[in-house]
Amino acid sequence: MRKTPIIAMALIILLGAGLASAGQAAGTAGQTELRPAPQTKEPTYNPAGRRDPFKDLLAGKDIRDRGGKAGVPQLYIDDITLIGISKKKNVYTAIINGPQGFPYALKTGDKLSDGFVLSIADTKVVFRKTQERGFPLMKPKDITKEINPEGR
């Protein structure tokens, strides 16, 4: 008789322990573990008079976005010297020197500060001057620059 209550208690303890462990397994299986998201830490920099190497130099602007006029900046037709003309696939390109001596390549239609390139031929380039000292001209002037005009 004594064995019956002892066996009953042992069964209750075993079943209780088994149910408890099954409940924990079921609880962890249905439960997703919440972990804190990894913190992204932005780099810090003490400039001490120097620029921040992590700062975006373009400030979000596109490189191709130019605010000024298209064409060659601050070149006036009277200040340039024609040094050569090249031809590739029947398209002429004029090679000029600016006032500081820097070379530029111009094609038909390229703009300058006071006009644009009207046409390019084998030995000459025709510019159309539309402004004089910042004021528009009533009648545009055509200025022709030739390669070695004194040699003819």
N, C-alpha and C. Protein backbone atom coordinates (compact mmCIF):
# COMPACT_ATOMS: atom_id res chain seq x y z
N MET A 1 0.78 -1.17 0.00
CA MET A 1 0.00 0.00 0.00
C MET A 1 0.84 1.26 0.00
N ARG A 2 1.92 1.12 0.68
CA ARG A 2 2.77 2.28 0.72
C ARG A 2 3.38 2.56 -0.63
N LYS A 3 3.51 1.59 -1.42
CA LYS A 3 4.15 1.77 -2.71
C LYS A 3 3.27 2.60 -3.64
N THR A 4 2.00 2.53 -3.53
CA THR A 4 1.09 3.23 -4.44
C THR A 4 1.22 4.74 -4.30
N PRO A 5 1.18 5.31 -3.08
CA PRO A 5 1.33 6.76 -3.02
C PRO A 5 2.72 7.22 -3.46
N ILE A 6 3.73 6.42 -3.21
CA ILE A 6 5.09 6.81 -3.61
C ILE A 6 5.20 6.78 -5.13
N ILE A 7 4.63 5.80 -5.76
CA ILE A 7 4.66 5.70 -7.22
C ILE A 7 3.83 6.83 -7.83
N ALA A 8 2.70 7.13 -7.22
CA ALA A 8 1.84 8.21 -7.72
C ALA A 8 2.58 9.54 -7.62
N MET A 9 3.29 9.78 -6.53
CA MET A 9 4.03 11.03 -6.37
C MET A 9 5.18 11.10 -7.36
N ALA A 10 5.85 10.00 -7.57
CA ALA A 10 6.96 9.98 -8.52
C ALA A 10 6.45 10.28 -9.92
N LEU A 11 5.28 9.72 -10.27
CA LEU A 11 4.69 9.99 -11.59
C LEU A 11 4.31 11.46 -11.72
N ILE A 12 3.77 12.03 -10.66
CA ILE A 12 3.36 13.45 -10.71
C ILE A 12 4.61 14.33 -10.88
N ILE A 13 5.65 14.00 -10.16
CA ILE A 13 6.89 14.80 -10.27
C ILE A 13 7.48 14.66 -11.66
N LEU A 14 7.54 13.47 -12.20
CA LEU A 14 8.10 13.25 -13.53
C LEU A 14 7.26 13.93 -14.61
N LEU A 15 5.93 13.76 -14.48
CA LEU A 15 5.05 14.40 -15.47
C LEU A 15 5.14 15.92 -15.37
N GLY A 16 5.22 16.44 -14.16
CA GLY A 16 5.35 17.89 -13.97
C GLY A 16 6.65 18.40 -14.57
N ALA A 17 7.74 17.69 -14.34
CA ALA A 17 9.03 18.08 -14.89
C ALA A 17 9.02 17.96 -16.40
N GLY A 18 8.41 16.92 -16.93
CA GLY A 18 8.32 16.73 -18.38
C GLY A 18 7.47 17.79 -19.03
N LEU A 19 6.35 18.14 -18.41
CA LEU A 19 5.49 19.19 -18.96
C LEU A 19 6.17 20.55 -18.88
N ALA A 20 6.89 20.78 -17.82
CA ALA A 20 7.58 22.06 -17.67
C ALA A 20 8.65 22.22 -18.75
N SER A 21 9.43 21.16 -18.98
CA SER A 21 10.48 21.26 -19.99
C SER A 21 9.87 21.33 -21.39
N ALA A 22 8.76 20.66 -21.63
CA ALA A 22 8.07 20.74 -22.93
C ALA A 22 7.48 22.12 -23.13
N GLY A 23 6.97 22.72 -22.07
CA GLY A 23 6.42 24.08 -22.15
C GLY A 23 7.51 25.10 -22.45
N GLN A 24 8.69 24.92 -21.85
CA GLN A 24 9.79 25.83 -22.13
C GLN A 24 10.25 25.67 -23.56
N ALA A 25 10.34 24.47 -24.06
CA ALA A 25 10.76 24.24 -25.43
C ALA A 25 9.75 24.82 -26.41
N ALA A 26 8.46 24.62 -26.10
CA ALA A 26 7.42 25.17 -26.96
C ALA A 26 7.43 26.69 -26.89
N GLY A 27 7.69 27.24 -25.72
CA GLY A 27 7.71 28.69 -25.56
C GLY A 27 8.87 29.32 -26.32
N THR A 28 10.02 28.68 -26.30
CA THR A 28 11.16 29.24 -27.01
C THR A 28 11.06 28.99 -28.51
N ALA A 29 10.36 27.94 -28.93
CA ALA A 29 10.21 27.69 -30.36
C ALA A 29 9.29 28.72 -30.99
N GLY A 30 8.25 29.12 -30.33
CA GLY A 30 7.31 30.08 -30.89
C GLY A 30 7.73 31.51 -30.65
N GLN A 31 8.73 31.70 -29.82
CA GLN A 31 9.12 33.03 -29.44
C GLN A 31 10.43 33.38 -30.16
N THR A 32 10.45 34.57 -30.80
CA THR A 32 11.68 35.00 -31.45
C THR A 32 12.50 35.78 -30.44
N GLU A 33 13.76 35.57 -30.49
CA GLU A 33 14.62 36.23 -29.53
C GLU A 33 14.87 37.66 -30.00
N LEU A 34 14.62 38.60 -29.16
CA LEU A 34 14.80 40.01 -29.50
C LEU A 34 16.19 40.45 -29.07
N ARG A 35 16.97 40.84 -30.06
CA ARG A 35 18.29 41.35 -29.77
C ARG A 35 18.32 42.82 -30.20
N PRO A 36 19.01 43.63 -29.52
CA PRO A 36 19.10 45.02 -29.95
C PRO A 36 19.86 45.10 -31.27
N ALA A 37 19.39 46.00 -32.15
CA ALA A 37 20.04 46.17 -33.45
C ALA A 37 21.44 46.71 -33.24
N PRO A 38 22.37 46.26 -34.08
CA PRO A 38 23.72 46.78 -33.92
C PRO A 38 23.73 48.28 -34.20
N GLN A 39 24.38 49.01 -33.37
CA GLN A 39 24.39 50.46 -33.52
C GLN A 39 25.46 50.84 -34.52
N THR A 40 25.03 51.63 -35.52
CA THR A 40 26.00 52.14 -36.49
C THR A 40 26.52 53.46 -35.94
N LYS A 41 27.77 53.50 -35.74
CA LYS A 41 28.36 54.68 -35.15
C LYS A 41 29.09 55.44 -36.25
N GLU A 42 28.69 56.70 -36.45
CA GLU A 42 29.35 57.52 -37.45
C GLU A 42 30.71 57.92 -36.91
N PRO A 43 31.68 58.00 -37.82
CA PRO A 43 33.00 58.38 -37.35
C PRO A 43 33.01 59.83 -36.87
N THR A 44 33.76 60.06 -35.87
CA THR A 44 33.91 61.43 -35.36
C THR A 44 35.33 61.87 -35.63
N TYR A 45 35.49 63.16 -35.72
CA TYR A 45 36.79 63.68 -36.07
C TYR A 45 36.98 65.02 -35.38
N ASN A 46 38.10 65.22 -34.78
CA ASN A 46 38.43 66.49 -34.17
C ASN A 46 39.27 67.26 -35.18
N PRO A 47 38.69 68.27 -35.82
CA PRO A 47 39.39 68.91 -36.92
C PRO A 47 40.66 69.66 -36.51
N ALA A 48 40.63 70.36 -35.42
CA ALA A 48 41.80 71.13 -34.95
C ALA A 48 42.38 71.97 -36.08
N GLY A 49 41.50 72.62 -36.84
CA GLY A 49 41.96 73.50 -37.92
C GLY A 49 42.07 72.83 -39.27
N ARG A 50 41.80 71.52 -39.36
CA ARG A 50 41.88 70.81 -40.64
C ARG A 50 40.48 70.42 -41.08
N ARG A 51 40.32 70.10 -42.35
CA ARG A 51 39.00 69.71 -42.84
C ARG A 51 38.68 68.28 -42.41
N ASP A 52 37.40 67.99 -42.31
CA ASP A 52 36.92 66.67 -41.90
C ASP A 52 37.02 65.72 -43.08
N PRO A 53 37.81 64.65 -43.02
CA PRO A 53 37.95 63.75 -44.17
C PRO A 53 36.69 62.92 -44.43
N PHE A 54 35.76 62.88 -43.48
CA PHE A 54 34.55 62.10 -43.67
C PHE A 54 33.42 62.92 -44.25
N LYS A 55 33.59 64.21 -44.38
CA LYS A 55 32.54 65.09 -44.89
C LYS A 55 32.48 64.99 -46.42
N ASP A 56 31.26 64.92 -46.96
CA ASP A 56 31.06 64.84 -48.40
C ASP A 56 31.46 66.16 -49.04
N LEU A 57 32.46 66.12 -49.91
CA LEU A 57 32.96 67.36 -50.51
C LEU A 57 31.98 67.94 -51.53
N LEU A 58 31.19 67.09 -52.16
CA LEU A 58 30.25 67.58 -53.17
C LEU A 58 28.92 68.00 -52.56
N ALA A 59 28.70 67.70 -51.31
CA ALA A 59 27.46 68.04 -50.59
C ALA A 59 26.23 67.54 -51.33
N GLY A 60 26.29 66.35 -51.90
CA GLY A 60 25.14 65.74 -52.55
C GLY A 60 24.91 66.19 -53.99
N LYS A 61 25.73 67.07 -54.52
CA LYS A 61 25.54 67.55 -55.89
C LYS A 61 26.16 66.57 -56.87
N ASP A 62 25.61 66.53 -58.04
CA ASP A 62 26.13 65.67 -59.09
C ASP A 62 27.32 66.37 -59.73
N ILE A 63 28.32 65.60 -60.11
CA ILE A 63 29.51 66.18 -60.71
C ILE A 63 29.18 66.84 -62.04
N ARG A 64 28.30 66.25 -62.79
CA ARG A 64 27.97 66.79 -64.11
C ARG A 64 27.13 68.06 -64.03
N ASP A 65 26.60 68.37 -62.86
CA ASP A 65 25.76 69.55 -62.70
C ASP A 65 26.63 70.79 -62.59
N ARG A 66 26.70 71.55 -63.66
CA ARG A 66 27.50 72.78 -63.66
C ARG A 66 26.57 73.96 -63.72
N GLY A 67 26.78 74.89 -62.85
CA GLY A 67 25.88 76.03 -62.75
C GLY A 67 26.14 77.10 -63.79
N GLY A 68 27.34 77.18 -64.34
CA GLY A 68 27.69 78.26 -65.25
C GLY A 68 27.29 77.97 -66.69
N LYS A 69 27.80 78.82 -67.58
CA LYS A 69 27.54 78.66 -69.00
C LYS A 69 28.28 77.45 -69.54
N ALA A 70 27.73 76.86 -70.58
CA ALA A 70 28.43 75.77 -71.25
C ALA A 70 29.48 76.37 -72.17
N GLY A 71 30.52 75.62 -72.44
CA GLY A 71 31.56 76.11 -73.34
C GLY A 71 32.82 76.45 -72.56
N VAL A 72 33.71 77.18 -73.24
CA VAL A 72 34.98 77.54 -72.64
C VAL A 72 34.81 78.83 -71.85
N PRO A 73 35.09 78.81 -70.55
CA PRO A 73 34.84 79.99 -69.73
C PRO A 73 35.91 81.07 -69.91
N GLN A 74 35.51 82.32 -69.87
CA GLN A 74 36.39 83.48 -69.87
C GLN A 74 37.39 83.51 -71.01
N LEU A 75 37.01 83.02 -72.17
CA LEU A 75 37.84 83.16 -73.36
C LEU A 75 37.10 84.08 -74.31
N TYR A 76 37.82 85.10 -74.76
CA TYR A 76 37.25 86.05 -75.72
C TYR A 76 37.88 85.79 -77.08
N ILE A 77 37.12 86.00 -78.12
CA ILE A 77 37.55 85.69 -79.48
C ILE A 77 38.83 86.46 -79.82
N ASP A 78 38.93 87.72 -79.40
CA ASP A 78 40.11 88.53 -79.73
C ASP A 78 41.37 88.06 -79.02
N ASP A 79 41.24 87.32 -77.91
CA ASP A 79 42.40 86.92 -77.11
C ASP A 79 42.96 85.55 -77.48
N ILE A 80 42.28 84.80 -78.32
CA ILE A 80 42.74 83.43 -78.60
C ILE A 80 43.58 83.40 -79.88
N THR A 81 44.42 82.37 -79.97
CA THR A 81 45.27 82.14 -81.14
C THR A 81 45.01 80.74 -81.66
N LEU A 82 44.77 80.64 -82.94
CA LEU A 82 44.54 79.33 -83.57
C LEU A 82 45.89 78.67 -83.81
N ILE A 83 46.09 77.48 -83.26
CA ILE A 83 47.38 76.79 -83.43
C ILE A 83 47.27 75.53 -84.27
N GLY A 84 46.05 75.04 -84.49
CA GLY A 84 45.92 73.85 -85.31
C GLY A 84 44.48 73.45 -85.54
N ILE A 85 44.29 72.60 -86.54
CA ILE A 85 42.97 72.05 -86.85
C ILE A 85 43.15 70.56 -87.11
N SER A 86 42.34 69.76 -86.46
CA SER A 86 42.40 68.31 -86.68
C SER A 86 41.08 67.84 -87.28
N LYS A 87 41.18 66.73 -88.02
CA LYS A 87 39.99 66.18 -88.67
C LYS A 87 39.90 64.70 -88.33
N LYS A 88 38.72 64.31 -87.85
CA LYS A 88 38.49 62.90 -87.53
C LYS A 88 37.07 62.57 -87.97
N LYS A 89 36.95 61.61 -88.87
CA LYS A 89 35.65 61.19 -89.40
C LYS A 89 34.85 62.37 -89.93
N ASN A 90 35.51 63.20 -90.73
CA ASN A 90 34.91 64.38 -91.36
C ASN A 90 34.36 65.40 -90.37
N VAL A 91 34.87 65.41 -89.15
CA VAL A 91 34.50 66.41 -88.15
C VAL A 91 35.78 67.17 -87.79
N TYR A 92 35.76 68.48 -87.98
CA TYR A 92 36.91 69.31 -87.68
C TYR A 92 36.88 69.76 -86.22
N THR A 93 38.08 69.84 -85.65
CA THR A 93 38.26 70.35 -84.29
C THR A 93 39.38 71.39 -84.32
N ALA A 94 39.08 72.59 -83.82
CA ALA A 94 40.08 73.65 -83.77
C ALA A 94 40.82 73.58 -82.45
N ILE A 95 42.14 73.70 -82.52
CA ILE A 95 42.97 73.72 -81.32
C ILE A 95 43.48 75.15 -81.16
N ILE A 96 43.14 75.75 -80.02
CA ILE A 96 43.48 77.15 -79.81
C ILE A 96 44.30 77.31 -78.53
N ASN A 97 44.98 78.44 -78.42
CA ASN A 97 45.67 78.82 -77.19
C ASN A 97 44.90 79.96 -76.56
N GLY A 98 44.69 79.88 -75.27
CA GLY A 98 44.07 80.98 -74.55
C GLY A 98 45.09 82.04 -74.20
N PRO A 99 44.68 83.10 -73.51
CA PRO A 99 45.61 84.17 -73.17
C PRO A 99 46.73 83.72 -72.23
N GLN A 100 46.49 82.71 -71.40
CA GLN A 100 47.54 82.21 -70.50
C GLN A 100 48.40 81.13 -71.16
N GLY A 101 48.08 80.77 -72.39
CA GLY A 101 48.86 79.77 -73.10
C GLY A 101 48.33 78.36 -72.96
N PHE A 102 47.17 78.17 -72.32
CA PHE A 102 46.60 76.83 -72.19
C PHE A 102 45.87 76.45 -73.47
N PRO A 103 46.07 75.23 -73.97
CA PRO A 103 45.37 74.82 -75.20
C PRO A 103 43.94 74.36 -74.90
N TYR A 104 43.06 74.63 -75.86
CA TYR A 104 41.66 74.20 -75.80
C TYR A 104 41.30 73.61 -77.15
N ALA A 105 40.34 72.69 -77.14
CA ALA A 105 39.81 72.12 -78.38
C ALA A 105 38.37 72.60 -78.54
N LEU A 106 38.07 73.16 -79.70
CA LEU A 106 36.73 73.69 -79.97
C LEU A 106 36.14 72.99 -81.18
N LYS A 107 34.85 72.77 -81.12
CA LYS A 107 34.11 72.22 -82.26
C LYS A 107 33.08 73.24 -82.70
N THR A 108 32.48 73.01 -83.83
CA THR A 108 31.46 73.92 -84.34
C THR A 108 30.30 74.00 -83.34
N GLY A 109 29.93 75.25 -82.99
CA GLY A 109 28.84 75.47 -82.06
C GLY A 109 29.28 75.72 -80.63
N ASP A 110 30.56 75.48 -80.29
CA ASP A 110 31.04 75.73 -78.93
C ASP A 110 30.98 77.23 -78.62
N LYS A 111 30.61 77.54 -77.39
CA LYS A 111 30.43 78.94 -76.98
C LYS A 111 31.67 79.46 -76.29
N LEU A 112 31.93 80.73 -76.52
CA LEU A 112 32.96 81.48 -75.82
C LEU A 112 32.26 82.59 -75.05
N SER A 113 33.03 83.42 -74.36
CA SER A 113 32.41 84.47 -73.55
C SER A 113 31.70 85.52 -74.38
N ASP A 114 32.18 85.80 -75.59
CA ASP A 114 31.58 86.86 -76.39
C ASP A 114 31.06 86.37 -77.75
N GLY A 115 30.92 85.06 -77.93
CA GLY A 115 30.41 84.53 -79.20
C GLY A 115 30.46 83.02 -79.23
N PHE A 116 30.56 82.49 -80.46
CA PHE A 116 30.61 81.04 -80.62
C PHE A 116 31.34 80.70 -81.91
N VAL A 117 31.67 79.40 -82.08
CA VAL A 117 32.35 78.93 -83.28
C VAL A 117 31.29 78.68 -84.35
N LEU A 118 31.39 79.43 -85.46
CA LEU A 118 30.41 79.30 -86.53
C LEU A 118 30.75 78.14 -87.45
N SER A 119 32.02 78.06 -87.90
CA SER A 119 32.41 76.95 -88.77
C SER A 119 33.91 76.72 -88.68
N ILE A 120 34.32 75.51 -89.04
CA ILE A 120 35.73 75.14 -89.06
C ILE A 120 36.00 74.48 -90.41
N ALA A 121 37.03 74.95 -91.08
CA ALA A 121 37.45 74.37 -92.37
C ALA A 121 38.88 73.86 -92.23
N ASP A 122 39.51 73.48 -93.38
CA ASP A 122 40.87 72.93 -93.35
C ASP A 122 41.89 73.88 -92.75
N THR A 123 41.82 75.16 -93.11
CA THR A 123 42.85 76.10 -92.67
C THR A 123 42.31 77.29 -91.89
N LYS A 124 41.01 77.37 -91.69
CA LYS A 124 40.48 78.55 -90.99
C LYS A 124 39.29 78.18 -90.10
N VAL A 125 39.07 79.06 -89.12
CA VAL A 125 37.94 78.93 -88.20
C VAL A 125 37.21 80.26 -88.23
N VAL A 126 35.88 80.20 -88.35
CA VAL A 126 35.06 81.41 -88.36
C VAL A 126 34.30 81.46 -87.04
N PHE A 127 34.50 82.58 -86.32
CA PHE A 127 33.81 82.83 -85.07
C PHE A 127 32.73 83.88 -85.30
N ARG A 128 31.61 83.77 -84.63
CA ARG A 128 30.57 84.81 -84.68
C ARG A 128 30.57 85.51 -83.33
N LYS A 129 30.92 86.80 -83.38
CA LYS A 129 30.98 87.62 -82.17
C LYS A 129 29.62 88.25 -81.95
N THR A 130 28.99 87.94 -80.81
CA THR A 130 27.64 88.44 -80.52
C THR A 130 27.62 89.48 -79.41
N GLN A 131 28.76 89.65 -78.71
CA GLN A 131 28.83 90.63 -77.62
C GLN A 131 30.13 91.40 -77.70
N GLU A 132 30.10 92.62 -77.18
CA GLU A 132 31.30 93.44 -77.08
C GLU A 132 31.32 94.03 -75.67
N ARG A 133 32.30 93.64 -74.87
CA ARG A 133 32.44 94.10 -73.49
C ARG A 133 31.18 93.84 -72.66
N GLY A 134 30.54 92.73 -72.89
CA GLY A 134 29.38 92.35 -72.10
C GLY A 134 28.05 92.84 -72.64
N PHE A 135 28.07 93.71 -73.66
CA PHE A 135 26.83 94.23 -74.25
C PHE A 135 26.56 93.52 -75.56
N PRO A 136 25.32 93.12 -75.82
CA PRO A 136 25.02 92.45 -77.09
C PRO A 136 25.18 93.40 -78.27
N LEU A 137 25.69 92.86 -79.37
CA LEU A 137 25.85 93.65 -80.59
C LEU A 137 24.56 93.66 -81.38
N MET A 138 24.25 94.79 -82.00
CA MET A 138 23.06 94.88 -82.84
C MET A 138 23.20 93.98 -84.06
N LYS A 139 24.40 93.99 -84.64
CA LYS A 139 24.67 93.15 -85.80
C LYS A 139 25.90 92.31 -85.47
N PRO A 140 25.76 90.97 -85.37
CA PRO A 140 26.91 90.13 -85.03
C PRO A 140 28.02 90.23 -86.08
N LYS A 141 29.27 90.11 -85.63
CA LYS A 141 30.42 90.16 -86.52
C LYS A 141 31.00 88.76 -86.69
N ASP A 142 31.43 88.45 -87.90
CA ASP A 142 32.13 87.20 -88.16
C ASP A 142 33.62 87.48 -88.18
N ILE A 143 34.38 86.76 -87.37
CA ILE A 143 35.83 86.93 -87.30
C ILE A 143 36.47 85.63 -87.75
N THR A 144 37.37 85.73 -88.71
CA THR A 144 38.03 84.55 -89.27
C THR A 144 39.46 84.50 -88.75
N LYS A 145 39.86 83.36 -88.27
CA LYS A 145 41.25 83.13 -87.83
C LYS A 145 41.79 81.98 -88.67
N GLU A 146 42.98 82.22 -89.25
CA GLU A 146 43.59 81.24 -90.14
C GLU A 146 44.89 80.72 -89.54
N ILE A 147 45.28 79.54 -90.01
CA ILE A 147 46.58 78.98 -89.64
C ILE A 147 47.61 79.59 -90.57
N ASN A 148 48.64 80.21 -90.01
CA ASN A 148 49.71 80.85 -90.77
C ASN A 148 49.18 81.74 -91.91
N PRO A 149 48.37 82.76 -91.60
CA PRO A 149 47.87 83.61 -92.67
C PRO A 149 49.00 84.40 -93.35
N GLU A 150 50.13 84.69 -92.65
CA GLU A 150 51.22 85.44 -93.27
C GLU A 150 52.01 84.59 -94.25
N GLY A 151 51.88 83.29 -94.20
CA GLY A 151 52.59 82.39 -95.10
C GLY A 151 51.94 82.31 -96.48
N ARG A 152 50.82 82.92 -96.69
CA ARG A 152 50.13 82.85 -97.99
C ARG A 152 50.45 83.99 -98.86
